[in-house]
Amino acid sequence: MTHYIALVHKDTDSAFGVQFPDVPGCYSAADDMADLICNATEALSLWGEDAPMPKARSIDALKRDKSIKRDLAEGAFLLSVPLDHRAVS
């Protein structure tokens, strides 16, 4: 199963915001931590209906990315999200 690494941001008065550094334009959100993976998996699947999925980088490669390093230092965190291949044509 393919996994994409999501970058998750959370401000005090907001929902969890999810972005995928390797899938430009694919975003998700969740009010509760328990809904993050489900909502993010759905976002990936929907994105993949309209375009071929880009290659996913490893978590180590993402951690070396300067913009991701900066976001992590500011409180963001990484989340591994499975791609539901059944939903992607």
PDB file of N, CA and C in Angstrom:
ATOM      1  N   MET A   1       0.842  -1.176   0.000  1.00  0.00           N
ATOM      2  CA  MET A   1       0.000   0.000   0.000  1.00  0.00           C
ATOM      3  C   MET A   1       0.889   1.242   0.000  1.00  0.00           C
ATOM      4  N   THR A   2       0.538   2.177  -0.836  1.00  0.00           N
ATOM      5  CA  THR A   2       1.271   3.435  -0.919  1.00  0.00           C
ATOM      6  C   THR A   2       0.798   4.380   0.176  1.00  0.00           C
ATOM      7  N   HIS A   3       1.746   5.061   0.790  1.00  0.00           N
ATOM      8  CA  HIS A   3       1.441   6.069   1.799  1.00  0.00           C
ATOM      9  C   HIS A   3       2.036   7.399   1.350  1.00  0.00           C
ATOM     10  N   TYR A   4       1.317   8.458   1.624  1.00  0.00           N
ATOM     11  CA  TYR A   4       1.814   9.811   1.408  1.00  0.00           C
ATOM     12  C   TYR A   4       1.963  10.459   2.774  1.00  0.00           C
ATOM     13  N   ILE A   5       2.971  11.288   2.898  1.00  0.00           N
ATOM     14  CA  ILE A   5       3.195  11.983   4.155  1.00  0.00           C
ATOM     15  C   ILE A   5       2.479  13.329   4.093  1.00  0.00           C
ATOM     16  N   ALA A   6       1.656  13.558   5.092  1.00  0.00           N
ATOM     17  CA  ALA A   6       0.920  14.816   5.201  1.00  0.00           C
ATOM     18  C   ALA A   6       1.604  15.708   6.227  1.00  0.00           C
ATOM     19  N   LEU A   7       1.529  16.977   5.997  1.00  0.00           N
ATOM     20  CA  LEU A   7       1.999  17.982   6.946  1.00  0.00           C
ATOM     21  C   LEU A   7       0.759  18.574   7.595  1.00  0.00           C
ATOM     22  N   VAL A   8       0.689  18.470   8.913  1.00  0.00           N
ATOM     23  CA  VAL A   8      -0.504  18.896   9.647  1.00  0.00           C
ATOM     24  C   VAL A   8      -0.174  20.129  10.485  1.00  0.00           C
ATOM     25  N   HIS A   9      -1.027  21.135  10.335  1.00  0.00           N
ATOM     26  CA  HIS A   9      -0.904  22.380  11.108  1.00  0.00           C
ATOM     27  C   HIS A   9      -2.115  22.503  12.018  1.00  0.00           C
ATOM     28  N   LYS A  10      -1.905  23.087  13.177  1.00  0.00           N
ATOM     29  CA  LYS A  10      -3.020  23.320  14.100  1.00  0.00           C
ATOM     30  C   LYS A  10      -2.763  24.610  14.858  1.00  0.00           C
ATOM     31  N   ASP A  11      -3.619  25.595  14.628  1.00  0.00           N
ATOM     32  CA  ASP A  11      -3.588  26.821  15.416  1.00  0.00           C
ATOM     33  C   ASP A  11      -4.557  26.663  16.578  1.00  0.00           C
ATOM     34  N   THR A  12      -4.419  27.461  17.578  1.00  0.00           N
ATOM     35  CA  THR A  12      -5.232  27.345  18.785  1.00  0.00           C
ATOM     36  C   THR A  12      -6.730  27.343  18.498  1.00  0.00           C
ATOM     37  N   ASP A  13      -7.195  28.246  17.673  1.00  0.00           N
ATOM     38  CA  ASP A  13      -8.630  28.389  17.417  1.00  0.00           C
ATOM     39  C   ASP A  13      -9.039  27.872  16.041  1.00  0.00           C
ATOM     40  N   SER A  14      -8.417  26.803  15.573  1.00  0.00           N
ATOM     41  CA  SER A  14      -8.748  26.307  14.238  1.00  0.00           C
ATOM     42  C   SER A  14      -8.791  24.786  14.214  1.00  0.00           C
ATOM     43  N   ALA A  15      -9.272  24.273  13.091  1.00  0.00           N
ATOM     44  CA  ALA A  15      -9.240  22.831  12.849  1.00  0.00           C
ATOM     45  C   ALA A  15      -7.813  22.426  12.491  1.00  0.00           C
ATOM     46  N   PHE A  16      -7.569  21.139  12.443  1.00  0.00           N
ATOM     47  CA  PHE A  16      -6.297  20.633  11.935  1.00  0.00           C
ATOM     48  C   PHE A  16      -6.313  20.821  10.424  1.00  0.00           C
ATOM     49  N   GLY A  17      -5.296  21.471   9.883  1.00  0.00           N
ATOM     50  CA  GLY A  17      -5.161  21.654   8.441  1.00  0.00           C
ATOM     51  C   GLY A  17      -4.144  20.662   7.909  1.00  0.00           C
ATOM     52  N   VAL A  18      -4.495  19.985   6.833  1.00  0.00           N
ATOM     53  CA  VAL A  18      -3.646  18.937   6.271  1.00  0.00           C
ATOM     54  C   VAL A  18      -3.273  19.302   4.839  1.00  0.00           C
ATOM     55  N   GLN A  19      -1.992  19.213   4.534  1.00  0.00           N
ATOM     56  CA  GLN A  19      -1.520  19.404   3.169  1.00  0.00           C
ATOM     57  C   GLN A  19      -0.549  18.281   2.833  1.00  0.00           C
ATOM     58  N   PHE A  20      -0.450  17.983   1.563  1.00  0.00           N
ATOM     59  CA  PHE A  20       0.436  16.928   1.096  1.00  0.00           C
ATOM     60  C   PHE A  20       1.537  17.549   0.248  1.00  0.00           C
ATOM     61  N   PRO A  21       2.758  17.628   0.763  1.00  0.00           N
ATOM     62  CA  PRO A  21       3.845  18.263   0.011  1.00  0.00           C
ATOM     63  C   PRO A  21       4.086  17.632  -1.363  1.00  0.00           C
ATOM     64  N   ASP A  22       3.797  16.339  -1.514  1.00  0.00           N
ATOM     65  CA  ASP A  22       4.039  15.668  -2.790  1.00  0.00           C
ATOM     66  C   ASP A  22       2.821  15.652  -3.705  1.00  0.00           C
ATOM     67  N   VAL A  23       1.696  16.184  -3.233  1.00  0.00           N
ATOM     68  CA  VAL A  23       0.473  16.201  -4.027  1.00  0.00           C
ATOM     69  C   VAL A  23      -0.059  17.640  -4.021  1.00  0.00           C
ATOM     70  N   PRO A  24       0.485  18.480  -4.896  1.00  0.00           N
ATOM     71  CA  PRO A  24       0.115  19.898  -4.911  1.00  0.00           C
ATOM     72  C   PRO A  24      -1.401  20.081  -5.096  1.00  0.00           C
ATOM     73  N   GLY A  25      -1.966  20.929  -4.262  1.00  0.00           N
ATOM     74  CA  GLY A  25      -3.388  21.219  -4.376  1.00  0.00           C
ATOM     75  C   GLY A  25      -4.290  20.257  -3.631  1.00  0.00           C
ATOM     76  N   CYS A  26      -3.730  19.284  -2.954  1.00  0.00           N
ATOM     77  CA  CYS A  26      -4.519  18.326  -2.180  1.00  0.00           C
ATOM     78  C   CYS A  26      -4.472  18.734  -0.717  1.00  0.00           C
ATOM     79  N   TYR A  27      -5.631  19.101  -0.193  1.00  0.00           N
ATOM     80  CA  TYR A  27      -5.735  19.572   1.188  1.00  0.00           C
ATOM     81  C   TYR A  27      -6.893  18.872   1.889  1.00  0.00           C
ATOM     82  N   SER A  28      -6.838  18.862   3.184  1.00  0.00           N
ATOM     83  CA  SER A  28      -7.912  18.326   3.992  1.00  0.00           C
ATOM     84  C   SER A  28      -7.909  19.056   5.329  1.00  0.00           C
ATOM     85  N   ALA A  29      -8.915  18.769   6.133  1.00  0.00           N
ATOM     86  CA  ALA A  29      -9.000  19.352   7.470  1.00  0.00           C
ATOM     87  C   ALA A  29      -9.821  18.423   8.342  1.00  0.00           C
ATOM     88  N   ALA A  30      -9.690  18.600   9.630  1.00  0.00           N
ATOM     89  CA  ALA A  30     -10.486  17.836  10.596  1.00  0.00           C
ATOM     90  C   ALA A  30     -10.567  18.632  11.888  1.00  0.00           C
ATOM     91  N   ASP A  31     -11.722  18.601  12.492  1.00  0.00           N
ATOM     92  CA  ASP A  31     -11.890  19.265  13.783  1.00  0.00           C
ATOM     93  C   ASP A  31     -11.249  18.462  14.907  1.00  0.00           C
ATOM     94  N   ASP A  32     -11.271  17.137  14.772  1.00  0.00           N
ATOM     95  CA  ASP A  32     -10.728  16.246  15.804  1.00  0.00           C
ATOM     96  C   ASP A  32      -9.573  15.431  15.257  1.00  0.00           C
ATOM     97  N   MET A  33      -8.585  15.175  16.078  1.00  0.00           N
ATOM     98  CA  MET A  33      -7.425  14.369  15.705  1.00  0.00           C
ATOM     99  C   MET A  33      -7.866  12.989  15.196  1.00  0.00           C
ATOM    100  N   ALA A  34      -8.927  12.443  15.780  1.00  0.00           N
ATOM    101  CA  ALA A  34      -9.393  11.112  15.406  1.00  0.00           C
ATOM    102  C   ALA A  34      -9.873  11.040  13.957  1.00  0.00           C
ATOM    103  N   ASP A  35     -10.213  12.176  13.364  1.00  0.00           N
ATOM    104  CA  ASP A  35     -10.717  12.200  11.986  1.00  0.00           C
ATOM    105  C   ASP A  35      -9.647  12.520  10.947  1.00  0.00           C
ATOM    106  N   LEU A  36      -8.431  12.786  11.390  1.00  0.00           N
ATOM    107  CA  LEU A  36      -7.384  13.222  10.456  1.00  0.00           C
ATOM    108  C   LEU A  36      -7.118  12.214   9.338  1.00  0.00           C
ATOM    109  N   ILE A  37      -6.843  10.970   9.690  1.00  0.00           N
ATOM    110  CA  ILE A  37      -6.465   9.989   8.664  1.00  0.00           C
ATOM    111  C   ILE A  37      -7.628   9.708   7.715  1.00  0.00           C
ATOM    112  N   CYS A  38      -8.813   9.558   8.241  1.00  0.00           N
ATOM    113  CA  CYS A  38      -9.979   9.288   7.395  1.00  0.00           C
ATOM    114  C   CYS A  38     -10.195  10.427   6.392  1.00  0.00           C
ATOM    115  N   ASN A  39     -10.206  11.660   6.881  1.00  0.00           N
ATOM    116  CA  ASN A  39     -10.425  12.808   5.999  1.00  0.00           C
ATOM    117  C   ASN A  39      -9.289  12.973   4.996  1.00  0.00           C
ATOM    118  N   ALA A  40      -8.059  12.759   5.434  1.00  0.00           N
ATOM    119  CA  ALA A  40      -6.906  12.904   4.540  1.00  0.00           C
ATOM    120  C   ALA A  40      -6.890  11.802   3.476  1.00  0.00           C
ATOM    121  N   THR A  41      -7.264  10.586   3.859  1.00  0.00           N
ATOM    122  CA  THR A  41      -7.335   9.485   2.889  1.00  0.00           C
ATOM    123  C   THR A  41      -8.379   9.798   1.825  1.00  0.00           C
ATOM    124  N   GLU A  42      -9.508  10.319   2.249  1.00  0.00           N
ATOM    125  CA  GLU A  42     -10.559  10.684   1.298  1.00  0.00           C
ATOM    126  C   GLU A  42     -10.074  11.777   0.343  1.00  0.00           C
ATOM    127  N   ALA A  43      -9.364  12.773   0.863  1.00  0.00           N
ATOM    128  CA  ALA A  43      -8.847  13.852   0.016  1.00  0.00           C
ATOM    129  C   ALA A  43      -7.879  13.315  -1.028  1.00  0.00           C
ATOM    130  N   LEU A  44      -6.986  12.416  -0.629  1.00  0.00           N
ATOM    131  CA  LEU A  44      -6.047  11.810  -1.589  1.00  0.00           C
ATOM    132  C   LEU A  44      -6.791  11.042  -2.671  1.00  0.00           C
ATOM    133  N   SER A  45      -7.770  10.258  -2.273  1.00  0.00           N
ATOM    134  CA  SER A  45      -8.529   9.458  -3.228  1.00  0.00           C
ATOM    135  C   SER A  45      -9.273  10.340  -4.225  1.00  0.00           C
ATOM    136  N   LEU A  46      -9.892  11.399  -3.735  1.00  0.00           N
ATOM    137  CA  LEU A  46     -10.612  12.307  -4.628  1.00  0.00           C
ATOM    138  C   LEU A  46      -9.660  13.017  -5.584  1.00  0.00           C
ATOM    139  N   TRP A  47      -8.506  13.439  -5.075  1.00  0.00           N
ATOM    140  CA  TRP A  47      -7.513  14.103  -5.925  1.00  0.00           C
ATOM    141  C   TRP A  47      -7.074  13.152  -7.035  1.00  0.00           C
ATOM    142  N   GLY A  48      -6.872  11.872  -6.669  1.00  0.00           N
ATOM    143  CA  GLY A  48      -6.404  10.875  -7.623  1.00  0.00           C
ATOM    144  C   GLY A  48      -7.416  10.493  -8.683  1.00  0.00           C
ATOM    145  N   GLU A  49      -8.662  10.886  -8.528  1.00  0.00           N
ATOM    146  CA  GLU A  49      -9.672  10.609  -9.551  1.00  0.00           C
ATOM    147  C   GLU A  49      -9.463  11.470 -10.787  1.00  0.00           C
ATOM    148  N   ASP A  50      -8.838  12.633 -10.622  1.00  0.00           N
ATOM    149  CA  ASP A  50      -8.691  13.592 -11.717  1.00  0.00           C
ATOM    150  C   ASP A  50      -7.296  13.693 -12.299  1.00  0.00           C
ATOM    151  N   ALA A  51      -6.328  13.063 -11.654  1.00  0.00           N
ATOM    152  CA  ALA A  51      -4.948  13.179 -12.121  1.00  0.00           C
ATOM    153  C   ALA A  51      -4.144  11.973 -11.644  1.00  0.00           C
ATOM    154  N   PRO A  52      -3.093  11.624 -12.381  1.00  0.00           N
ATOM    155  CA  PRO A  52      -2.229  10.543 -11.893  1.00  0.00           C
ATOM    156  C   PRO A  52      -1.531  10.981 -10.611  1.00  0.00           C
ATOM    157  N   MET A  53      -1.417  10.067  -9.683  1.00  0.00           N
ATOM    158  CA  MET A  53      -0.777  10.376  -8.410  1.00  0.00           C
ATOM    159  C   MET A  53       0.732  10.547  -8.608  1.00  0.00           C
ATOM    160  N   PRO A  54       1.307  11.619  -8.073  1.00  0.00           N
ATOM    161  CA  PRO A  54       2.754  11.803  -8.154  1.00  0.00           C
ATOM    162  C   PRO A  54       3.466  10.796  -7.249  1.00  0.00           C
ATOM    163  N   LYS A  55       4.733  10.649  -7.479  1.00  0.00           N
ATOM    164  CA  LYS A  55       5.529   9.748  -6.648  1.00  0.00           C
ATOM    165  C   LYS A  55       5.650  10.328  -5.234  1.00  0.00           C
ATOM    166  N   ALA A  56       5.479   9.467  -4.254  1.00  0.00           N
ATOM    167  CA  ALA A  56       5.603   9.886  -2.859  1.00  0.00           C
ATOM    168  C   ALA A  56       7.061   9.824  -2.423  1.00  0.00           C
ATOM    169  N   ARG A  57       7.535  10.896  -1.784  1.00  0.00           N
ATOM    170  CA  ARG A  57       8.888  10.891  -1.234  1.00  0.00           C
ATOM    171  C   ARG A  57       8.890  10.151   0.101  1.00  0.00           C
ATOM    172  N   SER A  58      10.051   9.711   0.498  1.00  0.00           N
ATOM    173  CA  SER A  58      10.192   9.070   1.804  1.00  0.00           C
ATOM    174  C   SER A  58      10.095  10.131   2.893  1.00  0.00           C
ATOM    175  N   ILE A  59       9.824   9.683   4.090  1.00  0.00           N
ATOM    176  CA  ILE A  59       9.744  10.616   5.215  1.00  0.00           C
ATOM    177  C   ILE A  59      11.106  11.281   5.447  1.00  0.00           C
ATOM    178  N   ASP A  60      12.189  10.533   5.227  1.00  0.00           N
ATOM    179  CA  ASP A  60      13.529  11.124   5.389  1.00  0.00           C
ATOM    180  C   ASP A  60      13.774  12.230   4.371  1.00  0.00           C
ATOM    181  N   ALA A  61      13.347  12.012   3.137  1.00  0.00           N
ATOM    182  CA  ALA A  61      13.512  13.040   2.106  1.00  0.00           C
ATOM    183  C   ALA A  61      12.694  14.284   2.454  1.00  0.00           C
ATOM    184  N   LEU A  62      11.487  14.075   2.934  1.00  0.00           N
ATOM    185  CA  LEU A  62      10.660  15.219   3.314  1.00  0.00           C
ATOM    186  C   LEU A  62      11.268  15.996   4.471  1.00  0.00           C
ATOM    187  N   LYS A  63      11.827  15.293   5.429  1.00  0.00           N
ATOM    188  CA  LYS A  63      12.431  15.969   6.585  1.00  0.00           C
ATOM    189  C   LYS A  63      13.623  16.835   6.187  1.00  0.00           C
ATOM    190  N   ARG A  64      14.257  16.541   5.050  1.00  0.00           N
ATOM    191  CA  ARG A  64      15.385  17.348   4.578  1.00  0.00           C
ATOM    192  C   ARG A  64      14.918  18.592   3.821  1.00  0.00           C
ATOM    193  N   ASP A  65      13.653  18.653   3.451  1.00  0.00           N
ATOM    194  CA  ASP A  65      13.088  19.792   2.732  1.00  0.00           C
ATOM    195  C   ASP A  65      13.067  21.013   3.661  1.00  0.00           C
ATOM    196  N   LYS A  66      13.671  22.110   3.239  1.00  0.00           N
ATOM    197  CA  LYS A  66      13.819  23.290   4.103  1.00  0.00           C
ATOM    198  C   LYS A  66      12.474  23.859   4.551  1.00  0.00           C
ATOM    199  N   SER A  67      11.489  23.914   3.663  1.00  0.00           N
ATOM    200  CA  SER A  67      10.201  24.491   4.061  1.00  0.00           C
ATOM    201  C   SER A  67       9.483  23.580   5.057  1.00  0.00           C
ATOM    202  N   ILE A  68       9.631  22.278   4.910  1.00  0.00           N
ATOM    203  CA  ILE A  68       9.015  21.350   5.850  1.00  0.00           C
ATOM    204  C   ILE A  68       9.724  21.421   7.196  1.00  0.00           C
ATOM    205  N   LYS A  69      11.047  21.527   7.169  1.00  0.00           N
ATOM    206  CA  LYS A  69      11.806  21.703   8.418  1.00  0.00           C
ATOM    207  C   LYS A  69      11.315  22.922   9.183  1.00  0.00           C
ATOM    208  N   ARG A  70      11.087  23.999   8.460  1.00  0.00           N
ATOM    209  CA  ARG A  70      10.616  25.239   9.083  1.00  0.00           C
ATOM    210  C   ARG A  70       9.222  25.034   9.699  1.00  0.00           C
ATOM    211  N   ASP A  71       8.330  24.389   8.938  1.00  0.00           N
ATOM    212  CA  ASP A  71       6.978  24.142   9.460  1.00  0.00           C
ATOM    213  C   ASP A  71       7.019  23.247  10.698  1.00  0.00           C
ATOM    214  N   LEU A  72       7.870  22.239  10.685  1.00  0.00           N
ATOM    215  CA  LEU A  72       7.987  21.355  11.848  1.00  0.00           C
ATOM    216  C   LEU A  72       8.515  22.115  13.059  1.00  0.00           C
ATOM    217  N   ALA A  73       9.469  22.999  12.828  1.00  0.00           N
ATOM    218  CA  ALA A  73      10.016  23.802  13.923  1.00  0.00           C
ATOM    219  C   ALA A  73       8.967  24.744  14.506  1.00  0.00           C
ATOM    220  N   GLU A  74       7.976  25.105  13.688  1.00  0.00           N
ATOM    221  CA  GLU A  74       6.916  26.012  14.137  1.00  0.00           C
ATOM    222  C   GLU A  74       5.717  25.263  14.720  1.00  0.00           C
ATOM    223  N   GLY A  75       5.815  23.931  14.850  1.00  0.00           N
ATOM    224  CA  GLY A  75       4.760  23.180  15.523  1.00  0.00           C
ATOM    225  C   GLY A  75       3.948  22.232  14.671  1.00  0.00           C
ATOM    226  N   ALA A  76       4.172  22.216  13.367  1.00  0.00           N
ATOM    227  CA  ALA A  76       3.464  21.262  12.507  1.00  0.00           C
ATOM    228  C   ALA A  76       3.984  19.858  12.795  1.00  0.00           C
ATOM    229  N   PHE A  77       3.250  18.851  12.336  1.00  0.00           N
ATOM    230  CA  PHE A  77       3.729  17.482  12.479  1.00  0.00           C
ATOM    231  C   PHE A  77       3.401  16.683  11.232  1.00  0.00           C
ATOM    232  N   LEU A  78       4.085  15.551  11.079  1.00  0.00           N
ATOM    233  CA  LEU A  78       3.904  14.691   9.903  1.00  0.00           C
ATOM    234  C   LEU A  78       2.976  13.537  10.238  1.00  0.00           C
ATOM    235  N   LEU A  79       2.230  13.105   9.227  1.00  0.00           N
ATOM    236  CA  LEU A  79       1.276  12.019   9.382  1.00  0.00           C
ATOM    237  C   LEU A  79       1.326  11.155   8.132  1.00  0.00           C
ATOM    238  N   SER A  80       1.463   9.852   8.304  1.00  0.00           N
ATOM    239  CA  SER A  80       1.462   8.926   7.174  1.00  0.00           C
ATOM    240  C   SER A  80       0.017   8.584   6.828  1.00  0.00           C
ATOM    241  N   VAL A  81      -0.351   8.818   5.561  1.00  0.00           N
ATOM    242  CA  VAL A  81      -1.730   8.615   5.116  1.00  0.00           C
ATOM    243  C   VAL A  81      -1.750   7.608   3.980  1.00  0.00           C
ATOM    244  N   PRO A  82      -2.520   6.525   4.125  1.00  0.00           N
ATOM    245  CA  PRO A  82      -2.576   5.513   3.060  1.00  0.00           C
ATOM    246  C   PRO A  82      -3.407   6.018   1.885  1.00  0.00           C
ATOM    247  N   LEU A  83      -3.005   5.621   0.692  1.00  0.00           N
ATOM    248  CA  LEU A  83      -3.768   5.904  -0.511  1.00  0.00           C
ATOM    249  C   LEU A  83      -4.685   4.724  -0.760  1.00  0.00           C
ATOM    250  N   ASP A  84      -5.973   4.957  -0.801  1.00  0.00           N
ATOM    251  CA  ASP A  84      -6.948   3.914  -1.076  1.00  0.00           C
ATOM    252  C   ASP A  84      -6.992   3.702  -2.585  1.00  0.00           C
ATOM    253  N   HIS A  85      -6.270   2.697  -3.070  1.00  0.00           N
ATOM    254  CA  HIS A  85      -6.171   2.454  -4.515  1.00  0.00           C
ATOM    255  C   HIS A  85      -7.504   2.071  -5.127  1.00  0.00           C
ATOM    256  N   ARG A  86      -8.434   1.565  -4.353  1.00  0.00           N
ATOM    257  CA  ARG A  86      -9.744   1.183  -4.883  1.00  0.00           C
ATOM    258  C   ARG A  86     -10.505   2.407  -5.336  1.00  0.00           C
ATOM    259  N   ALA A  87     -10.223   3.554  -4.731  1.00  0.00           N
ATOM    260  CA  ALA A  87     -10.955   4.771  -5.062  1.00  0.00           C
ATOM    261  C   ALA A  87     -10.284   5.560  -6.181  1.00  0.00           C
ATOM    262  N   VAL A  88      -9.089   5.166  -6.592  1.00  0.00           N
ATOM    263  CA  VAL A  88      -8.340   5.874  -7.623  1.00  0.00           C
ATOM    264  C   VAL A  88      -8.348   5.051  -8.894  1.00  0.00           C
ATOM    265  N   SER A  89      -8.760   5.668  -9.976  1.00  0.00           N
ATOM    266  CA  SER A  89      -8.790   4.920 -11.248  1.00  0.00           C
ATOM    267  C   SER A  89      -7.505   5.065 -12.016  1.00  0.00           C
TER     268      SER A  89
END
